[in-house]
Amino acid sequence: MSAPNCARAWFSGRRRGSCMEVEAKVKVKIKEMEKRIRGLGARFIKKERQEDIYFAHPCRDFKVRDEALRVRRVEGECILTYKGARQDSKIKTRPEIETKVEEAILDILRILGFSEVRRVVKQRDTYQWDRLKVYLDRVEGLGEFLEVEGKDSEDKHKILGLLGSLNIAPEELIGESYLEMLEDKVEIPAKDRRNFLKRGSE
């Protein structure tokens, strides 16, 4: 479903799977994990730098409502994304609407009273495994991570299966977004992954 159609489906009350973000995140050492995912047949797609600019609403508390609004700069393009409240404690599942926009959206949001919260900058390597996207992220100020993303809620079992093949247990999954981790100044050494307590439901 295209982004405009996805948005129409969401606002008309017809929530569809393709409007959901379904993913899992874990702290890793990229060199080691890259060998594992390639060994499972994952296909390299691209490498890119992403800059995510998160905004606060002038009269709506996104943190309390477990929502997020961001503009992602990547490869000369801007993508506006809204994320709704999380619905799962193991595999992050939440409504998501996104659409390509022009750079002017940043000025528009500020004029309307939105304020910048924080920027998250990362280098991302993207792989494809079956119908799942696999990301190896180097996040400034946080370290190295693996993210596995599905297309809809039916992919949860596929995600857990792939993580199992990579010797990653469900209790190792991180419950915070990169934004939340930076806001809380959380550092999670790879060797201590199993001792990390999930603080959110992402």
N, C-alpha and C. Protein backbone atom coordinates (compact mmCIF):
# COMPACT_ATOMS: atom_id res chain seq x y z
N MET A 1 0.85 -1.18 0.00
CA MET A 1 0.00 0.00 0.00
C MET A 1 0.89 1.24 0.00
N SER A 2 0.60 2.21 -0.87
CA SER A 2 1.39 3.43 -0.91
C SER A 2 1.16 4.25 0.33
N ALA A 3 2.08 5.19 0.62
CA ALA A 3 1.96 6.01 1.82
C ALA A 3 0.65 6.80 1.85
N PRO A 4 0.23 7.48 0.73
CA PRO A 4 -1.04 8.21 0.77
C PRO A 4 -2.22 7.29 1.03
N ASN A 5 -2.25 6.11 0.38
CA ASN A 5 -3.36 5.17 0.61
C ASN A 5 -3.35 4.65 2.03
N CYS A 6 -2.14 4.40 2.55
CA CYS A 6 -2.01 3.95 3.93
C CYS A 6 -2.57 4.99 4.88
N ALA A 7 -2.26 6.26 4.63
CA ALA A 7 -2.76 7.34 5.48
C ALA A 7 -4.27 7.42 5.42
N ARG A 8 -4.85 7.29 4.23
CA ARG A 8 -6.31 7.34 4.10
C ARG A 8 -6.96 6.19 4.85
N ALA A 9 -6.34 5.00 4.75
CA ALA A 9 -6.89 3.84 5.45
C ALA A 9 -6.86 4.05 6.95
N TRP A 10 -5.76 4.64 7.46
CA TRP A 10 -5.63 4.85 8.90
C TRP A 10 -6.66 5.85 9.41
N PHE A 11 -6.76 7.01 8.74
CA PHE A 11 -7.63 8.05 9.23
C PHE A 11 -9.10 7.74 9.00
N SER A 12 -9.40 6.80 8.10
CA SER A 12 -10.79 6.41 7.90
C SER A 12 -11.19 5.31 8.87
N GLY A 13 -10.25 4.89 9.71
CA GLY A 13 -10.56 3.88 10.72
C GLY A 13 -10.31 2.46 10.27
N ARG A 14 -9.85 2.27 9.02
CA ARG A 14 -9.58 0.93 8.51
C ARG A 14 -8.10 0.64 8.65
N ARG A 15 -7.72 0.08 9.80
CA ARG A 15 -6.32 -0.17 10.07
C ARG A 15 -5.86 -1.42 9.34
N ARG A 16 -4.85 -1.30 8.54
CA ARG A 16 -4.35 -2.41 7.73
C ARG A 16 -2.94 -2.77 8.15
N GLY A 17 -2.57 -4.05 7.90
CA GLY A 17 -1.27 -4.53 8.32
C GLY A 17 -0.11 -3.73 7.76
N SER A 18 -0.24 -3.26 6.51
CA SER A 18 0.86 -2.56 5.88
C SER A 18 1.07 -1.18 6.50
N CYS A 19 0.19 -0.75 7.41
CA CYS A 19 0.36 0.53 8.11
C CYS A 19 0.98 0.31 9.47
N MET A 20 1.46 -0.89 9.73
CA MET A 20 2.04 -1.20 11.03
C MET A 20 3.55 -1.35 10.89
N GLU A 21 4.26 -0.86 11.90
CA GLU A 21 5.69 -1.07 11.99
C GLU A 21 5.91 -2.29 12.89
N VAL A 22 6.61 -3.29 12.37
CA VAL A 22 6.85 -4.52 13.12
C VAL A 22 8.34 -4.81 13.09
N GLU A 23 9.02 -4.68 14.24
CA GLU A 23 10.47 -4.87 14.22
C GLU A 23 11.00 -5.22 15.60
N ALA A 24 12.23 -5.73 15.60
CA ALA A 24 12.94 -6.07 16.84
C ALA A 24 14.34 -5.47 16.77
N LYS A 25 14.87 -5.11 17.95
CA LYS A 25 16.18 -4.48 18.01
C LYS A 25 17.02 -5.13 19.10
N VAL A 26 18.35 -5.26 18.83
CA VAL A 26 19.26 -5.83 19.82
C VAL A 26 20.64 -5.24 19.61
N LYS A 27 21.39 -5.09 20.69
CA LYS A 27 22.76 -4.59 20.62
C LYS A 27 23.68 -5.71 20.11
N VAL A 28 24.56 -5.38 19.16
CA VAL A 28 25.44 -6.40 18.59
C VAL A 28 26.81 -5.82 18.30
N LYS A 29 27.69 -6.71 17.84
CA LYS A 29 28.94 -6.30 17.22
C LYS A 29 28.78 -6.56 15.74
N ILE A 30 28.81 -5.51 14.95
CA ILE A 30 28.42 -5.60 13.55
C ILE A 30 29.28 -6.58 12.75
N LYS A 31 30.57 -6.58 12.94
CA LYS A 31 31.43 -7.48 12.15
C LYS A 31 31.03 -8.94 12.36
N GLU A 32 30.75 -9.28 13.60
CA GLU A 32 30.34 -10.65 13.92
C GLU A 32 28.96 -10.94 13.35
N MET A 33 28.02 -10.01 13.52
CA MET A 33 26.65 -10.23 13.07
C MET A 33 26.54 -10.24 11.55
N GLU A 34 27.37 -9.46 10.88
CA GLU A 34 27.36 -9.45 9.42
C GLU A 34 27.69 -10.83 8.86
N LYS A 35 28.66 -11.49 9.47
CA LYS A 35 29.02 -12.84 9.03
C LYS A 35 27.85 -13.80 9.23
N ARG A 36 27.15 -13.64 10.35
CA ARG A 36 26.03 -14.54 10.64
C ARG A 36 24.89 -14.37 9.64
N ILE A 37 24.52 -13.13 9.38
CA ILE A 37 23.36 -12.93 8.50
C ILE A 37 23.70 -13.30 7.06
N ARG A 38 24.93 -13.05 6.65
CA ARG A 38 25.33 -13.47 5.30
C ARG A 38 25.36 -14.99 5.22
N GLY A 39 25.75 -15.63 6.32
CA GLY A 39 25.77 -17.09 6.35
C GLY A 39 24.39 -17.71 6.23
N LEU A 40 23.37 -16.93 6.61
CA LEU A 40 21.98 -17.40 6.50
C LEU A 40 21.37 -17.04 5.14
N GLY A 41 22.18 -16.41 4.28
CA GLY A 41 21.70 -16.11 2.93
C GLY A 41 21.10 -14.72 2.76
N ALA A 42 21.30 -13.84 3.73
CA ALA A 42 20.78 -12.47 3.60
C ALA A 42 21.50 -11.76 2.46
N ARG A 43 20.77 -10.99 1.69
CA ARG A 43 21.31 -10.29 0.52
C ARG A 43 21.52 -8.81 0.84
N PHE A 44 22.75 -8.31 0.62
CA PHE A 44 23.04 -6.91 0.87
C PHE A 44 22.29 -6.03 -0.13
N ILE A 45 21.67 -4.96 0.37
CA ILE A 45 20.90 -4.05 -0.47
C ILE A 45 21.60 -2.71 -0.64
N LYS A 46 21.92 -2.05 0.48
CA LYS A 46 22.52 -0.72 0.37
C LYS A 46 23.11 -0.28 1.70
N LYS A 47 23.94 0.76 1.61
CA LYS A 47 24.53 1.41 2.78
C LYS A 47 24.17 2.89 2.68
N GLU A 48 23.73 3.49 3.79
CA GLU A 48 23.34 4.89 3.74
C GLU A 48 23.46 5.54 5.11
N ARG A 49 23.54 6.87 5.10
CA ARG A 49 23.54 7.66 6.33
C ARG A 49 22.14 8.23 6.53
N GLN A 50 21.60 8.07 7.73
CA GLN A 50 20.27 8.59 8.04
C GLN A 50 20.36 9.58 9.19
N GLU A 51 19.64 10.67 9.04
CA GLU A 51 19.52 11.65 10.11
C GLU A 51 18.04 11.80 10.44
N ASP A 52 17.65 11.42 11.64
CA ASP A 52 16.26 11.49 12.07
C ASP A 52 16.07 12.67 13.01
N ILE A 53 15.17 13.56 12.65
CA ILE A 53 14.88 14.75 13.45
C ILE A 53 13.51 14.55 14.09
N TYR A 54 13.48 14.45 15.41
CA TYR A 54 12.23 14.21 16.14
C TYR A 54 11.67 15.53 16.66
N PHE A 55 10.33 15.63 16.62
CA PHE A 55 9.65 16.86 17.02
C PHE A 55 8.68 16.63 18.17
N ALA A 56 8.49 17.68 18.96
CA ALA A 56 7.47 17.69 20.02
C ALA A 56 6.30 18.53 19.55
N HIS A 57 5.09 18.09 19.89
CA HIS A 57 3.86 18.80 19.52
C HIS A 57 3.66 19.98 20.48
N PRO A 58 3.15 21.10 20.00
CA PRO A 58 2.97 22.26 20.87
C PRO A 58 1.95 22.07 21.99
N CYS A 59 0.99 21.17 21.81
CA CYS A 59 -0.03 20.99 22.85
C CYS A 59 -0.44 19.53 23.05
N ARG A 60 0.38 18.62 22.61
CA ARG A 60 0.11 17.19 22.73
C ARG A 60 1.39 16.50 23.15
N ASP A 61 1.36 15.79 24.27
CA ASP A 61 2.57 15.17 24.80
C ASP A 61 2.80 13.82 24.14
N PHE A 62 3.69 13.78 23.16
CA PHE A 62 3.97 12.54 22.44
C PHE A 62 4.52 11.46 23.37
N LYS A 63 5.34 11.86 24.36
CA LYS A 63 5.94 10.88 25.26
C LYS A 63 4.87 10.18 26.09
N VAL A 64 3.92 10.94 26.62
CA VAL A 64 2.84 10.36 27.42
C VAL A 64 1.96 9.47 26.57
N ARG A 65 1.71 9.88 25.35
CA ARG A 65 0.82 9.12 24.46
C ARG A 65 1.56 8.02 23.70
N ASP A 66 2.87 7.91 23.93
CA ASP A 66 3.70 6.91 23.25
C ASP A 66 3.62 7.07 21.73
N GLU A 67 3.76 8.31 21.28
CA GLU A 67 3.75 8.62 19.86
C GLU A 67 5.07 9.27 19.47
N ALA A 68 5.29 9.41 18.18
CA ALA A 68 6.50 10.06 17.71
C ALA A 68 6.25 10.68 16.34
N LEU A 69 6.89 11.81 16.10
CA LEU A 69 6.85 12.47 14.80
C LEU A 69 8.28 12.81 14.42
N ARG A 70 8.69 12.37 13.23
CA ARG A 70 10.07 12.62 12.83
C ARG A 70 10.15 12.94 11.35
N VAL A 71 11.23 13.62 11.00
CA VAL A 71 11.60 13.83 9.60
C VAL A 71 12.94 13.16 9.41
N ARG A 72 13.00 12.23 8.45
CA ARG A 72 14.24 11.51 8.16
C ARG A 72 14.88 12.08 6.91
N ARG A 73 16.15 12.47 7.04
CA ARG A 73 16.93 12.87 5.88
C ARG A 73 17.80 11.69 5.45
N VAL A 74 17.66 11.30 4.19
CA VAL A 74 18.43 10.18 3.69
C VAL A 74 18.59 10.29 2.18
N GLU A 75 19.83 10.21 1.73
CA GLU A 75 20.13 10.24 0.30
C GLU A 75 19.45 11.41 -0.42
N GLY A 76 19.49 12.59 0.19
CA GLY A 76 18.94 13.78 -0.45
C GLY A 76 17.44 13.89 -0.40
N GLU A 77 16.77 12.98 0.29
CA GLU A 77 15.31 13.02 0.41
C GLU A 77 14.90 13.22 1.86
N CYS A 78 13.65 13.66 2.04
CA CYS A 78 13.07 13.80 3.37
C CYS A 78 11.81 12.95 3.45
N ILE A 79 11.65 12.24 4.57
CA ILE A 79 10.47 11.40 4.78
C ILE A 79 9.85 11.79 6.13
N LEU A 80 8.58 12.16 6.11
CA LEU A 80 7.84 12.50 7.33
C LEU A 80 7.14 11.25 7.84
N THR A 81 7.34 10.95 9.13
CA THR A 81 6.78 9.72 9.70
C THR A 81 6.06 10.00 11.02
N TYR A 82 4.86 9.45 11.14
CA TYR A 82 4.13 9.45 12.42
C TYR A 82 4.11 8.03 12.94
N LYS A 83 4.40 7.85 14.24
CA LYS A 83 4.35 6.54 14.87
C LYS A 83 3.35 6.59 16.03
N GLY A 84 2.44 5.60 16.06
CA GLY A 84 1.45 5.53 17.13
C GLY A 84 1.94 4.72 18.32
N ALA A 85 1.06 4.49 19.26
CA ALA A 85 1.40 3.78 20.50
C ALA A 85 1.80 2.34 20.20
N ARG A 86 2.77 1.84 20.99
CA ARG A 86 3.25 0.47 20.83
C ARG A 86 2.25 -0.53 21.39
N GLN A 87 2.22 -1.72 20.77
CA GLN A 87 1.20 -2.71 21.10
C GLN A 87 1.77 -4.06 21.49
N ASP A 88 3.08 -4.20 21.56
CA ASP A 88 3.68 -5.49 21.85
C ASP A 88 4.94 -5.29 22.68
N SER A 89 5.20 -6.18 23.62
CA SER A 89 6.35 -6.02 24.52
C SER A 89 7.61 -6.71 24.01
N LYS A 90 7.49 -7.63 23.04
CA LYS A 90 8.65 -8.34 22.53
C LYS A 90 9.06 -7.79 21.16
N ILE A 91 8.17 -7.91 20.20
CA ILE A 91 8.41 -7.37 18.87
C ILE A 91 7.66 -6.06 18.76
N LYS A 92 8.39 -4.97 18.49
CA LYS A 92 7.75 -3.67 18.43
C LYS A 92 6.70 -3.66 17.34
N THR A 93 5.46 -3.38 17.72
CA THR A 93 4.35 -3.31 16.77
C THR A 93 3.58 -2.03 17.05
N ARG A 94 3.53 -1.15 16.08
CA ARG A 94 2.84 0.13 16.29
C ARG A 94 2.39 0.69 14.95
N PRO A 95 1.29 1.48 14.94
CA PRO A 95 0.86 2.12 13.70
C PRO A 95 1.93 3.07 13.18
N GLU A 96 2.08 3.11 11.88
CA GLU A 96 3.07 4.00 11.27
C GLU A 96 2.55 4.52 9.94
N ILE A 97 2.68 5.82 9.76
CA ILE A 97 2.31 6.46 8.50
C ILE A 97 3.50 7.30 8.05
N GLU A 98 3.92 7.14 6.81
CA GLU A 98 5.02 7.96 6.33
C GLU A 98 4.81 8.36 4.88
N THR A 99 5.40 9.50 4.52
CA THR A 99 5.28 10.00 3.16
C THR A 99 6.49 10.87 2.82
N LYS A 100 6.88 10.87 1.57
CA LYS A 100 7.98 11.72 1.16
C LYS A 100 7.54 13.18 1.16
N VAL A 101 8.44 14.06 1.60
CA VAL A 101 8.15 15.48 1.67
C VAL A 101 9.37 16.27 1.20
N GLU A 102 9.20 17.57 1.08
CA GLU A 102 10.31 18.45 0.74
C GLU A 102 10.97 18.95 2.01
N GLU A 103 12.19 19.47 1.87
CA GLU A 103 12.93 20.00 3.01
C GLU A 103 12.16 21.10 3.74
N ALA A 104 11.27 21.76 3.02
CA ALA A 104 10.49 22.86 3.61
C ALA A 104 9.60 22.39 4.76
N ILE A 105 9.37 21.08 4.88
CA ILE A 105 8.52 20.58 5.96
C ILE A 105 9.09 20.96 7.32
N LEU A 106 10.41 21.08 7.41
CA LEU A 106 11.04 21.45 8.68
C LEU A 106 10.62 22.86 9.10
N ASP A 107 10.60 23.78 8.15
CA ASP A 107 10.16 25.15 8.45
C ASP A 107 8.67 25.19 8.77
N ILE A 108 7.89 24.40 8.03
CA ILE A 108 6.45 24.37 8.25
C ILE A 108 6.14 23.89 9.66
N LEU A 109 6.78 22.81 10.09
CA LEU A 109 6.54 22.28 11.43
C LEU A 109 6.91 23.30 12.51
N ARG A 110 8.03 23.97 12.33
CA ARG A 110 8.46 24.96 13.32
C ARG A 110 7.51 26.15 13.37
N ILE A 111 7.04 26.60 12.21
CA ILE A 111 6.08 27.71 12.17
C ILE A 111 4.79 27.34 12.88
N LEU A 112 4.40 26.07 12.78
CA LEU A 112 3.17 25.59 13.41
C LEU A 112 3.34 25.33 14.90
N GLY A 113 4.54 25.52 15.43
CA GLY A 113 4.76 25.38 16.86
C GLY A 113 5.44 24.11 17.30
N PHE A 114 5.77 23.23 16.35
CA PHE A 114 6.50 22.01 16.70
C PHE A 114 7.95 22.39 17.02
N SER A 115 8.52 21.74 18.01
CA SER A 115 9.90 22.03 18.39
C SER A 115 10.75 20.77 18.26
N GLU A 116 12.00 20.97 17.86
CA GLU A 116 12.90 19.83 17.69
C GLU A 116 13.31 19.27 19.05
N VAL A 117 13.21 17.95 19.19
CA VAL A 117 13.57 17.28 20.43
C VAL A 117 15.01 16.80 20.40
N ARG A 118 15.35 16.06 19.38
CA ARG A 118 16.69 15.49 19.27
C ARG A 118 16.89 14.94 17.86
N ARG A 119 18.16 14.83 17.48
CA ARG A 119 18.50 14.20 16.21
C ARG A 119 19.21 12.87 16.47
N VAL A 120 18.83 11.88 15.71
CA VAL A 120 19.46 10.56 15.79
C VAL A 120 20.16 10.32 14.46
N VAL A 121 21.48 10.16 14.50
CA VAL A 121 22.26 9.97 13.28
C VAL A 121 22.86 8.57 13.28
N LYS A 122 22.72 7.88 12.15
CA LYS A 122 23.25 6.52 12.08
C LYS A 122 23.70 6.19 10.67
N GLN A 123 24.63 5.26 10.60
CA GLN A 123 25.02 4.62 9.35
C GLN A 123 24.31 3.28 9.30
N ARG A 124 23.56 3.03 8.24
CA ARG A 124 22.74 1.81 8.17
C ARG A 124 23.09 0.97 6.95
N ASP A 125 23.37 -0.32 7.22
CA ASP A 125 23.53 -1.30 6.15
C ASP A 125 22.24 -2.11 6.09
N THR A 126 21.65 -2.19 4.90
CA THR A 126 20.37 -2.88 4.74
C THR A 126 20.55 -4.20 4.00
N TYR A 127 19.95 -5.26 4.56
CA TYR A 127 19.95 -6.59 3.94
C TYR A 127 18.51 -7.07 3.80
N GLN A 128 18.33 -8.02 2.88
CA GLN A 128 17.03 -8.66 2.69
C GLN A 128 17.17 -10.13 3.02
N TRP A 129 16.29 -10.64 3.88
CA TRP A 129 16.25 -12.07 4.19
C TRP A 129 14.80 -12.50 4.14
N ASP A 130 14.49 -13.38 3.17
CA ASP A 130 13.09 -13.76 2.94
C ASP A 130 12.30 -12.47 2.70
N ARG A 131 11.22 -12.25 3.46
CA ARG A 131 10.46 -11.01 3.29
C ARG A 131 10.80 -9.98 4.37
N LEU A 132 11.85 -10.27 5.13
CA LEU A 132 12.24 -9.37 6.21
C LEU A 132 13.40 -8.46 5.78
N LYS A 133 13.40 -7.24 6.31
CA LYS A 133 14.53 -6.33 6.14
C LYS A 133 15.41 -6.47 7.39
N VAL A 134 16.71 -6.56 7.18
CA VAL A 134 17.66 -6.68 8.28
C VAL A 134 18.59 -5.47 8.21
N TYR A 135 18.67 -4.73 9.32
CA TYR A 135 19.48 -3.52 9.36
C TYR A 135 20.64 -3.68 10.35
N LEU A 136 21.81 -3.26 9.95
CA LEU A 136 22.96 -3.17 10.85
C LEU A 136 23.24 -1.68 11.01
N ASP A 137 23.02 -1.17 12.22
CA ASP A 137 23.10 0.27 12.47
C ASP A 137 24.28 0.64 13.36
N ARG A 138 24.98 1.68 12.96
CA ARG A 138 25.99 2.31 13.80
C ARG A 138 25.42 3.67 14.21
N VAL A 139 24.95 3.76 15.45
CA VAL A 139 24.23 4.94 15.91
C VAL A 139 25.16 5.83 16.73
N GLU A 140 25.26 7.09 16.34
CA GLU A 140 26.14 8.03 17.04
C GLU A 140 25.69 8.17 18.49
N GLY A 141 26.63 7.96 19.41
CA GLY A 141 26.34 8.11 20.83
C GLY A 141 25.79 6.87 21.50
N LEU A 142 25.51 5.80 20.72
CA LEU A 142 24.92 4.58 21.30
C LEU A 142 25.70 3.32 20.97
N GLY A 143 26.17 3.18 19.73
CA GLY A 143 26.89 1.96 19.38
C GLY A 143 26.29 1.23 18.21
N GLU A 144 26.44 -0.08 18.20
CA GLU A 144 26.06 -0.92 17.06
C GLU A 144 24.86 -1.80 17.40
N PHE A 145 23.93 -1.88 16.43
CA PHE A 145 22.68 -2.60 16.67
C PHE A 145 22.24 -3.39 15.44
N LEU A 146 21.43 -4.40 15.70
CA LEU A 146 20.73 -5.14 14.66
C LEU A 146 19.25 -4.85 14.79
N GLU A 147 18.59 -4.52 13.68
CA GLU A 147 17.14 -4.40 13.66
C GLU A 147 16.60 -5.33 12.58
N VAL A 148 15.52 -6.02 12.90
CA VAL A 148 14.85 -6.88 11.93
C VAL A 148 13.43 -6.37 11.78
N GLU A 149 13.02 -6.11 10.56
CA GLU A 149 11.72 -5.49 10.31
C GLU A 149 10.87 -6.33 9.37
N GLY A 150 9.61 -6.52 9.74
CA GLY A 150 8.65 -7.24 8.91
C GLY A 150 7.67 -6.30 8.25
N LYS A 151 6.81 -6.85 7.41
CA LYS A 151 5.83 -6.05 6.68
C LYS A 151 4.53 -5.88 7.45
N ASP A 152 4.18 -6.86 8.29
CA ASP A 152 2.94 -6.78 9.05
C ASP A 152 3.04 -7.70 10.27
N SER A 153 1.98 -7.72 11.08
CA SER A 153 2.00 -8.48 12.34
C SER A 153 2.20 -9.98 12.12
N GLU A 154 1.88 -10.48 10.93
CA GLU A 154 2.06 -11.90 10.64
C GLU A 154 3.54 -12.28 10.57
N ASP A 155 4.41 -11.27 10.47
CA ASP A 155 5.85 -11.55 10.36
C ASP A 155 6.53 -11.71 11.71
N LYS A 156 5.80 -11.58 12.81
CA LYS A 156 6.41 -11.69 14.14
C LYS A 156 7.13 -13.02 14.32
N HIS A 157 6.49 -14.11 13.89
CA HIS A 157 7.09 -15.44 14.04
C HIS A 157 8.35 -15.56 13.18
N LYS A 158 8.32 -14.95 11.97
CA LYS A 158 9.49 -14.98 11.11
C LYS A 158 10.66 -14.24 11.76
N ILE A 159 10.34 -13.09 12.39
CA ILE A 159 11.37 -12.30 13.05
C ILE A 159 12.00 -13.09 14.19
N LEU A 160 11.15 -13.70 15.03
CA LEU A 160 11.67 -14.49 16.15
C LEU A 160 12.47 -15.69 15.65
N GLY A 161 12.03 -16.27 14.54
CA GLY A 161 12.74 -17.41 13.96
C GLY A 161 14.13 -17.01 13.48
N LEU A 162 14.20 -15.86 12.80
CA LEU A 162 15.50 -15.38 12.32
C LEU A 162 16.42 -15.05 13.50
N LEU A 163 15.87 -14.39 14.53
CA LEU A 163 16.68 -14.08 15.70
C LEU A 163 17.22 -15.35 16.35
N GLY A 164 16.37 -16.38 16.39
CA GLY A 164 16.81 -17.65 16.96
C GLY A 164 17.96 -18.25 16.16
N SER A 165 17.87 -18.14 14.83
CA SER A 165 18.94 -18.65 13.97
C SER A 165 20.24 -17.88 14.18
N LEU A 166 20.11 -16.63 14.66
CA LEU A 166 21.28 -15.79 14.92
C LEU A 166 21.74 -15.91 16.38
N ASN A 167 21.14 -16.88 17.09
CA ASN A 167 21.47 -17.11 18.51
C ASN A 167 21.15 -15.91 19.40
N ILE A 168 20.05 -15.24 19.08
CA ILE A 168 19.58 -14.11 19.88
C ILE A 168 18.27 -14.51 20.54
N ALA A 169 18.23 -14.50 21.87
CA ALA A 169 17.05 -14.89 22.62
C ALA A 169 16.09 -13.71 22.77
N PRO A 170 14.78 -13.98 22.91
CA PRO A 170 13.80 -12.89 23.07
C PRO A 170 14.12 -11.94 24.21
N GLU A 171 14.70 -12.48 25.30
CA GLU A 171 14.98 -11.60 26.45
C GLU A 171 16.12 -10.62 26.17
N GLU A 172 16.83 -10.81 25.06
CA GLU A 172 17.90 -9.88 24.70
C GLU A 172 17.38 -8.64 23.97
N LEU A 173 16.14 -8.67 23.54
CA LEU A 173 15.60 -7.57 22.75
C LEU A 173 15.51 -6.29 23.58
N ILE A 174 15.80 -5.18 22.94
CA ILE A 174 15.81 -3.89 23.60
C ILE A 174 14.44 -3.24 23.48
N GLY A 175 13.95 -2.74 24.59
CA GLY A 175 12.60 -2.18 24.61
C GLY A 175 12.51 -0.70 24.35
N GLU A 176 13.61 -0.04 24.04
CA GLU A 176 13.59 1.40 23.80
C GLU A 176 13.97 1.73 22.37
N SER A 177 13.48 2.83 21.89
CA SER A 177 13.89 3.34 20.58
C SER A 177 15.24 4.02 20.73
N TYR A 178 15.89 4.31 19.60
CA TYR A 178 17.16 5.03 19.65
C TYR A 178 16.96 6.39 20.32
N LEU A 179 15.86 7.04 20.01
CA LEU A 179 15.56 8.34 20.62
C LEU A 179 15.49 8.23 22.13
N GLU A 180 14.75 7.23 22.62
CA GLU A 180 14.60 7.05 24.07
C GLU A 180 15.93 6.72 24.73
N MET A 181 16.73 5.92 24.06
CA MET A 181 18.03 5.55 24.62
C MET A 181 18.94 6.76 24.73
N LEU A 182 18.91 7.62 23.72
CA LEU A 182 19.72 8.83 23.77
C LEU A 182 19.19 9.79 24.82
N GLU A 183 17.86 9.89 24.92
CA GLU A 183 17.27 10.79 25.92
C GLU A 183 17.63 10.34 27.33
N ASP A 184 17.65 9.03 27.54
CA ASP A 184 17.97 8.50 28.87
C ASP A 184 19.46 8.26 29.07
N LYS A 185 20.23 8.51 28.00
CA LYS A 185 21.68 8.29 28.02
C LYS A 185 22.00 6.86 28.44
N VAL A 186 21.29 5.91 27.81
CA VAL A 186 21.48 4.50 28.10
C VAL A 186 22.60 3.95 27.24
N GLU A 187 23.55 3.30 27.85
CA GLU A 187 24.62 2.61 27.14
C GLU A 187 24.50 1.12 27.45
N ILE A 188 24.50 0.29 26.43
CA ILE A 188 24.28 -1.14 26.63
C ILE A 188 25.43 -1.92 26.01
N PRO A 189 26.46 -2.27 26.78
CA PRO A 189 27.58 -3.06 26.22
C PRO A 189 27.07 -4.37 25.63
N ALA A 190 27.61 -4.75 24.48
CA ALA A 190 27.16 -5.97 23.80
C ALA A 190 27.28 -7.18 24.70
N LYS A 191 28.34 -7.25 25.51
CA LYS A 191 28.55 -8.42 26.36
C LYS A 191 27.51 -8.52 27.46
N ASP A 192 26.81 -7.41 27.73
CA ASP A 192 25.80 -7.41 28.81
C ASP A 192 24.38 -7.43 28.27
N ARG A 193 24.20 -7.83 27.02
CA ARG A 193 22.87 -7.78 26.42
C ARG A 193 21.84 -8.56 27.24
N ARG A 194 22.21 -9.73 27.73
CA ARG A 194 21.24 -10.57 28.42
C ARG A 194 20.80 -9.97 29.75
N ASN A 195 21.57 -9.01 30.27
CA ASN A 195 21.22 -8.40 31.54
C ASN A 195 20.45 -7.10 31.38
N PHE A 196 20.21 -6.73 30.11
CA PHE A 196 19.51 -5.48 29.89
C PHE A 196 18.02 -5.64 30.16
N LEU A 197 17.47 -4.80 30.99
CA LEU A 197 16.05 -4.85 31.32
C LEU A 197 15.28 -3.92 30.41
N LYS A 198 14.28 -4.46 29.74
CA LYS A 198 13.49 -3.64 28.84
C LYS A 198 12.71 -2.60 29.64
N ARG A 199 12.81 -1.34 29.18
CA ARG A 199 12.15 -0.27 29.89
C ARG A 199 10.89 0.20 29.20
N GLY A 200 10.71 -0.27 27.98
CA GLY A 200 9.51 0.15 27.27
C GLY A 200 8.88 -1.05 26.62
N SER A 201 7.95 -0.80 25.72
CA SER A 201 7.24 -1.90 25.06
C SER A 201 7.55 -1.93 23.59
N GLU A 202 8.62 -1.23 23.15
CA GLU A 202 8.96 -1.22 21.73
C GLU A 202 9.63 -2.54 21.34
